[in-house]
Protein backbone atom coordinates (compact mmCIF):
# COMPACT_ATOMS: atom_id res chain seq x y z
CA MET A 1 29.45 259.09 -96.97
CA THR A 2 31.83 256.41 -95.89
CA SER A 3 32.22 252.81 -96.96
CA THR A 4 32.16 251.66 -93.31
CA SER A 5 28.44 252.45 -93.03
CA ILE A 6 25.67 250.25 -94.34
CA ILE A 7 23.29 252.32 -96.45
CA SER A 8 20.38 250.64 -98.15
CA PRO A 9 20.06 251.45 -101.84
CA GLU A 10 16.35 252.01 -101.14
CA ALA A 11 17.12 254.88 -98.72
CA LYS A 12 16.69 258.39 -100.10
CA ILE A 13 19.69 260.56 -99.20
CA GLY A 14 19.57 264.30 -99.92
CA ARG A 15 22.33 266.53 -101.25
CA GLY A 16 25.23 267.39 -98.98
CA VAL A 17 24.35 264.76 -96.37
CA LYS A 18 27.25 263.57 -94.20
CA ILE A 19 27.02 260.05 -92.80
CA TRP A 20 29.90 259.17 -90.51
CA ASN A 21 31.39 255.74 -89.80
CA PHE A 22 29.49 252.62 -88.80
CA CYS A 23 25.92 253.87 -89.40
CA ASN A 24 23.01 251.74 -90.55
CA ILE A 25 20.56 253.48 -92.87
CA ILE A 26 17.66 251.10 -93.53
CA ALA A 27 15.45 250.83 -96.65
CA GLY A 28 12.81 253.52 -96.92
CA ALA A 29 14.66 256.06 -94.76
CA LYS A 30 14.58 259.62 -96.08
CA ILE A 31 17.31 262.08 -95.11
CA GLY A 32 17.02 265.75 -96.10
CA ASP A 33 19.66 267.95 -97.68
CA GLY A 34 22.53 269.16 -95.52
CA THR A 35 21.97 266.76 -92.62
CA SER A 36 24.85 265.26 -90.63
CA ILE A 37 24.54 261.83 -88.99
CA GLY A 38 27.14 260.86 -86.39
CA SER A 39 28.93 257.53 -86.12
CA TYR A 40 27.17 254.39 -84.86
CA THR A 41 23.69 255.77 -85.56
CA GLU A 42 20.78 253.58 -86.66
CA VAL A 43 18.17 255.16 -88.96
CA GLY A 44 15.31 252.69 -89.19
CA GLN A 45 12.93 251.74 -91.95
CA ASN A 46 10.81 254.66 -93.19
CA VAL A 47 12.34 257.16 -90.75
CA VAL A 48 12.07 260.71 -92.12
CA ILE A 49 14.75 263.28 -91.30
CA GLY A 50 14.36 266.88 -92.46
CA LYS A 51 16.90 269.29 -93.90
CA ASN A 52 19.95 270.59 -92.04
CA CYS A 53 19.57 268.34 -89.01
CA LYS A 54 22.50 267.43 -86.79
CA ILE A 55 22.36 263.95 -85.31
CA GLU A 56 25.22 263.10 -82.98
CA ALA A 57 26.80 259.65 -82.51
CA PHE A 58 25.10 256.54 -81.10
CA VAL A 59 21.50 257.66 -81.80
CA PHE A 60 18.81 255.00 -82.29
CA MET A 61 15.81 255.92 -84.48
CA PRO A 62 13.46 253.01 -85.18
CA GLU A 63 10.61 252.97 -87.65
CA GLY A 64 8.02 255.65 -86.90
CA VAL A 65 10.35 258.58 -86.14
CA THR A 66 9.99 261.84 -88.06
CA LEU A 67 12.29 264.82 -87.59
CA GLY A 68 11.53 268.27 -88.98
CA ASP A 69 14.11 270.70 -90.36
CA ASP A 70 17.05 272.08 -88.35
CA VAL A 71 16.62 269.56 -85.51
CA PHE A 72 19.49 268.75 -83.14
CA ILE A 73 19.74 265.27 -81.59
CA GLY A 74 22.46 264.84 -78.97
CA PRO A 75 24.63 261.76 -78.58
CA CYS A 76 23.12 258.49 -77.37
CA VAL A 77 19.48 259.62 -77.72
CA CYS A 78 17.14 256.63 -77.92
CA PHE A 79 13.74 256.82 -79.60
CA THR A 80 11.37 253.92 -78.92
CA ASN A 81 8.32 252.89 -80.92
CA ASP A 82 6.84 249.95 -79.00
CA LEU A 83 4.67 250.64 -75.94
CA TYR A 84 4.71 247.04 -74.75
CA PRO A 85 7.85 245.36 -76.09
CA PRO A 86 8.30 243.02 -77.64
CA SER A 87 5.13 243.30 -79.70
CA PRO A 88 4.49 240.25 -81.88
CA ASP A 89 3.52 242.66 -84.67
CA LYS A 90 3.54 246.41 -85.33
CA SER A 91 -0.02 247.00 -84.08
CA GLY A 92 1.24 248.38 -80.76
CA TRP A 93 3.82 250.68 -82.30
CA LYS A 94 3.42 254.44 -82.09
CA THR A 95 5.12 257.26 -83.96
CA ILE A 96 7.34 260.04 -82.63
CA VAL A 97 7.46 263.49 -84.22
CA VAL A 98 10.14 266.08 -83.52
CA LYS A 99 9.17 269.42 -85.08
CA ASP A 100 11.38 272.06 -86.71
CA ARG A 101 14.28 273.53 -84.71
CA ALA A 102 13.71 271.32 -81.66
CA ALA A 103 16.75 270.07 -79.73
CA ILE A 104 17.19 266.92 -77.64
CA GLY A 105 20.09 266.60 -75.21
CA ALA A 106 22.44 263.65 -74.78
CA ASN A 107 21.14 260.35 -73.42
CA ALA A 108 17.47 261.34 -73.55
CA THR A 109 14.92 258.58 -74.11
CA ILE A 110 11.83 259.44 -76.14
CA LEU A 111 8.88 257.11 -75.59
CA PRO A 112 6.34 256.15 -78.28
CA GLY A 113 3.51 258.49 -79.25
CA VAL A 114 5.30 261.72 -78.28
CA VAL A 115 5.38 265.01 -80.20
CA ILE A 116 8.18 267.45 -79.43
CA GLY A 117 7.05 270.88 -80.62
CA GLU A 118 8.80 273.47 -82.75
CA ASP A 119 11.72 275.17 -81.00
CA ALA A 120 11.33 272.93 -77.91
CA LEU A 121 14.31 271.75 -75.87
CA VAL A 122 14.59 268.40 -74.07
CA GLY A 123 17.31 268.28 -71.42
CA ALA A 124 20.07 265.69 -71.33
CA GLY A 125 19.17 262.41 -69.64
CA SER A 126 15.43 263.08 -69.74
CA VAL A 127 12.76 260.42 -70.24
CA VAL A 128 10.05 261.99 -72.38
CA THR A 129 6.69 260.33 -71.75
CA LYS A 130 4.37 263.16 -72.90
CA ASP A 131 4.31 265.82 -75.58
CA VAL A 132 6.57 268.86 -75.17
CA PRO A 133 4.80 272.04 -76.32
CA PRO A 134 6.39 274.36 -78.88
CA GLY A 135 9.06 276.70 -77.54
CA MET A 136 9.26 275.05 -74.13
CA THR A 137 12.08 273.40 -72.17
CA ALA A 138 11.42 270.03 -70.53
CA PHE A 139 13.72 267.81 -68.50
CA GLY A 140 13.81 265.13 -65.83
CA ASN A 141 12.49 261.59 -65.37
CA PRO A 142 9.75 261.81 -66.36
CA ALA A 143 10.41 265.01 -68.31
CA ARG A 144 8.31 267.94 -67.19
CA VAL A 145 7.95 271.35 -68.79
CA LYS A 146 10.06 273.84 -66.80
CA GLY A 147 9.55 277.03 -68.83
CA LYS A 148 10.20 278.72 -72.12
CA ARG A 149 13.30 277.85 -74.11
CA LYS A 150 15.80 280.68 -74.05
CA LYS A 151 16.82 282.17 -77.36
CA GLY A 152 20.37 281.68 -78.55
CA ARG A 153 22.29 279.30 -76.26
CA SER A 154 19.97 276.89 -74.52
């Protein structure tokens, strides 16, 4: 961990976690063992990140995001939690769940209420408006399922 990041003392940080420069880790965030968080990333209140995740630089994760274990989040991915911003309260907010071993490419936007299934792949630049089933590849704007995720290199 570096002194150039702001990490709330109320955040729970697992063993072996690497937090690079200029990150904000807000109170209530939980980060699992062995995870790496790239520079300029925001981890919002009560966000849950599993073990051994790799989160690249410039990622925005507001309250309501949950990542499973071994998840990859490419640079500049933006998760959103408010269907009709700006909500005067949190009543319109929805959660986002990214299941184990899923991967999200650079510059993807993930809209509220979405579940990205285990081993799924979201292509770079995609706008995810609906759930992505386990083991599938989805991309585009809006993202559509294009087939099964290939094993090994995706």
